[in-house]
């Protein structure tokens, strides 16, 4: 970002900074994205009730997916501890095993 030397006033040189910093650019881009999202929601072809119902269902789906997260983390933690214990007992990396449950499918 170029700086321009200004005048000296009372023994101090005034420097004028031109352009935008990286932080300002990121803030502007994020602000534009938020403004575009709000405008899109307000100008959407659905009614307000339909849009709120859609957001509510999206929120409910997220809550359902998050409800299983603690148990999944416990299972993954237990499997990691078991694999580590096996690796240290055998002096090498553990052998890959088949998953006990299939990975979740995305809808």
C-alpha atoms as a PDB file:
ATOM      1  CA  UNK A   1       0.000   0.000   0.000  1.00  0.00           C
ATOM      2  CA  UNK A   2       1.665   3.220  -1.047  1.00  0.00           C
ATOM      3  CA  UNK A   3       2.239   5.978   1.457  1.00  0.00           C
ATOM      4  CA  UNK A   4       2.545   9.601   0.458  1.00  0.00           C
ATOM      5  CA  UNK A   5       4.690  12.042   2.348  1.00  0.00           C
ATOM      6  CA  UNK A   6       2.746  15.054   3.394  1.00  0.00           C
ATOM      7  CA  UNK A   7       3.689  18.400   4.798  1.00  0.00           C
ATOM      8  CA  UNK A   8       5.681  19.095   7.902  1.00  0.00           C
ATOM      9  CA  UNK A   9       3.552  20.900  10.476  1.00  0.00           C
ATOM     10  CA  UNK A  10       4.971  21.985  13.835  1.00  0.00           C
ATOM     11  CA  UNK A  11       7.981  19.751  13.346  1.00  0.00           C
ATOM     12  CA  UNK A  12       5.966  16.626  12.502  1.00  0.00           C
ATOM     13  CA  UNK A  13       5.637  15.073   9.081  1.00  0.00           C
ATOM     14  CA  UNK A  14       2.144  13.958   8.188  1.00  0.00           C
ATOM     15  CA  UNK A  15       1.968  10.713   6.209  1.00  0.00           C
ATOM     16  CA  UNK A  16      -1.160   9.999   4.191  1.00  0.00           C
ATOM     17  CA  UNK A  17      -1.984   6.324   3.766  1.00  0.00           C
ATOM     18  CA  UNK A  18      -3.914   5.285   0.663  1.00  0.00           C
ATOM     19  CA  UNK A  19      -5.562   1.991  -0.215  1.00  0.00           C
ATOM     20  CA  UNK A  20      -7.035  -0.707   1.989  1.00  0.00           C
ATOM     21  CA  UNK A  21      -5.413  -3.126   4.399  1.00  0.00           C
ATOM     22  CA  UNK A  22      -5.971  -6.875   4.168  1.00  0.00           C
ATOM     23  CA  UNK A  23      -8.229  -6.800   7.215  1.00  0.00           C
ATOM     24  CA  UNK A  24     -10.361  -4.080   5.672  1.00  0.00           C
ATOM     25  CA  UNK A  25     -10.689  -6.068   2.449  1.00  0.00           C
ATOM     26  CA  UNK A  26     -11.712  -9.229   4.298  1.00  0.00           C
ATOM     27  CA  UNK A  27     -14.253  -7.247   6.318  1.00  0.00           C
ATOM     28  CA  UNK A  28     -15.653  -5.722   3.110  1.00  0.00           C
ATOM     29  CA  UNK A  29     -15.956  -9.128   1.413  1.00  0.00           C
ATOM     30  CA  UNK A  30     -17.671 -10.687   4.434  1.00  0.00           C
ATOM     31  CA  UNK A  31     -19.973  -7.687   4.756  1.00  0.00           C
ATOM     32  CA  UNK A  32     -20.904  -8.004   1.093  1.00  0.00           C
ATOM     33  CA  UNK A  33     -21.600 -11.710   1.507  1.00  0.00           C
ATOM     34  CA  UNK A  34     -23.871 -11.062   4.490  1.00  0.00           C
ATOM     35  CA  UNK A  35     -25.658  -8.256   2.659  1.00  0.00           C
ATOM     36  CA  UNK A  36     -26.136 -10.490  -0.385  1.00  0.00           C
ATOM     37  CA  UNK A  37     -27.528 -13.284   1.756  1.00  0.00           C
ATOM     38  CA  UNK A  38     -29.979 -10.965   3.478  1.00  0.00           C
ATOM     39  CA  UNK A  39     -31.055  -9.465   0.157  1.00  0.00           C
ATOM     40  CA  UNK A  40     -31.498 -12.944  -1.312  1.00  0.00           C
ATOM     41  CA  UNK A  41     -33.670 -14.036   1.593  1.00  0.00           C
ATOM     42  CA  UNK A  42     -35.765 -10.883   1.455  1.00  0.00           C
ATOM     43  CA  UNK A  43     -36.235 -11.063  -2.306  1.00  0.00           C
ATOM     44  CA  UNK A  44     -36.756 -14.834  -2.458  1.00  0.00           C
ATOM     45  CA  UNK A  45     -39.764 -16.170  -4.366  1.00  0.00           C
ATOM     46  CA  UNK A  46     -41.046 -17.971  -1.234  1.00  0.00           C
ATOM     47  CA  UNK A  47     -43.247 -16.320   1.338  1.00  0.00           C
ATOM     48  CA  UNK A  48     -41.849 -15.407   4.731  1.00  0.00           C
ATOM     49  CA  UNK A  49     -43.673 -18.306   6.385  1.00  0.00           C
ATOM     50  CA  UNK A  50     -42.237 -20.784   3.900  1.00  0.00           C
ATOM     51  CA  UNK A  51     -38.729 -19.393   4.322  1.00  0.00           C
ATOM     52  CA  UNK A  52     -38.980 -19.549   8.135  1.00  0.00           C
ATOM     53  CA  UNK A  53     -40.271 -23.126   7.907  1.00  0.00           C
ATOM     54  CA  UNK A  54     -37.331 -24.032   5.657  1.00  0.00           C
ATOM     55  CA  UNK A  55     -34.836 -22.506   8.136  1.00  0.00           C
ATOM     56  CA  UNK A  56     -36.598 -24.268  11.017  1.00  0.00           C
ATOM     57  CA  UNK A  57     -36.344 -27.655   9.272  1.00  0.00           C
ATOM     58  CA  UNK A  58     -32.696 -26.985   8.463  1.00  0.00           C
ATOM     59  CA  UNK A  59     -32.082 -26.172  12.131  1.00  0.00           C
ATOM     60  CA  UNK A  60     -33.889 -29.333  13.252  1.00  0.00           C
ATOM     61  CA  UNK A  61     -31.776 -31.462  10.892  1.00  0.00           C
ATOM     62  CA  UNK A  62     -28.604 -29.915  12.286  1.00  0.00           C
ATOM     63  CA  UNK A  63     -29.761 -30.596  15.852  1.00  0.00           C
ATOM     64  CA  UNK A  64     -30.487 -34.249  14.996  1.00  0.00           C
ATOM     65  CA  UNK A  65     -27.034 -34.694  13.463  1.00  0.00           C
ATOM     66  CA  UNK A  66     -25.336 -32.991  16.394  1.00  0.00           C
ATOM     67  CA  UNK A  67     -27.210 -35.158  18.919  1.00  0.00           C
ATOM     68  CA  UNK A  68     -25.159 -38.194  17.876  1.00  0.00           C
ATOM     69  CA  UNK A  69     -21.845 -36.356  17.961  1.00  0.00           C
ATOM     70  CA  UNK A  70     -20.874 -36.997  21.611  1.00  0.00           C
ATOM     71  CA  UNK A  71     -21.371 -40.750  21.256  1.00  0.00           C
ATOM     72  CA  UNK A  72     -19.451 -40.803  17.969  1.00  0.00           C
ATOM     73  CA  UNK A  73     -16.577 -38.918  19.607  1.00  0.00           C
ATOM     74  CA  UNK A  74     -16.520 -41.372  22.532  1.00  0.00           C
ATOM     75  CA  UNK A  75     -16.403 -44.324  20.130  1.00  0.00           C
ATOM     76  CA  UNK A  76     -13.650 -42.717  18.051  1.00  0.00           C
ATOM     77  CA  UNK A  77     -11.667 -41.912  21.183  1.00  0.00           C
ATOM     78  CA  UNK A  78     -11.977 -45.467  22.481  1.00  0.00           C
ATOM     79  CA  UNK A  79     -10.900 -46.854  19.091  1.00  0.00           C
ATOM     80  CA  UNK A  80      -7.890 -44.514  19.016  1.00  0.00           C
ATOM     81  CA  UNK A  81      -6.815 -45.547  22.522  1.00  0.00           C
ATOM     82  CA  UNK A  82      -7.208 -49.210  21.583  1.00  0.00           C
ATOM     83  CA  UNK A  83      -5.163 -48.735  18.399  1.00  0.00           C
ATOM     84  CA  UNK A  84      -2.454 -46.882  20.311  1.00  0.00           C
ATOM     85  CA  UNK A  85      -2.294 -49.575  22.991  1.00  0.00           C
ATOM     86  CA  UNK A  86      -2.093 -52.263  20.293  1.00  0.00           C
ATOM     87  CA  UNK A  87       0.658 -50.381  18.475  1.00  0.00           C
ATOM     88  CA  UNK A  88       2.760 -49.887  21.581  1.00  0.00           C
ATOM     89  CA  UNK A  89       2.287 -53.518  22.654  1.00  0.00           C
ATOM     90  CA  UNK A  90       3.392 -54.860  19.259  1.00  0.00           C
ATOM     91  CA  UNK A  91       6.130 -52.305  18.709  1.00  0.00           C
ATOM     92  CA  UNK A  92       4.683 -51.091  15.417  1.00  0.00           C
ATOM     93  CA  UNK A  93       1.607 -49.631  13.762  1.00  0.00           C
ATOM     94  CA  UNK A  94      -1.681 -51.518  14.219  1.00  0.00           C
ATOM     95  CA  UNK A  95      -3.202 -53.520  11.401  1.00  0.00           C
ATOM     96  CA  UNK A  96      -6.175 -51.881   9.699  1.00  0.00           C
ATOM     97  CA  UNK A  97      -9.516 -53.318  10.725  1.00  0.00           C
ATOM     98  CA  UNK A  98     -12.937 -53.177   9.162  1.00  0.00           C
ATOM     99  CA  UNK A  99     -15.279 -50.532  10.498  1.00  0.00           C
ATOM    100  CA  UNK A 100     -17.855 -51.742  12.964  1.00  0.00           C
ATOM    101  CA  UNK A 101     -20.439 -49.329  11.551  1.00  0.00           C
ATOM    102  CA  UNK A 102     -20.701 -47.899   8.057  1.00  0.00           C
ATOM    103  CA  UNK A 103     -19.849 -44.198   7.656  1.00  0.00           C
ATOM    104  CA  UNK A 104     -22.839 -41.853   7.776  1.00  0.00           C
ATOM    105  CA  UNK A 105     -24.399 -40.963   4.454  1.00  0.00           C
ATOM    106  CA  UNK A 106     -25.001 -37.381   3.476  1.00  0.00           C
ATOM    107  CA  UNK A 107     -28.438 -36.356   2.376  1.00  0.00           C
END
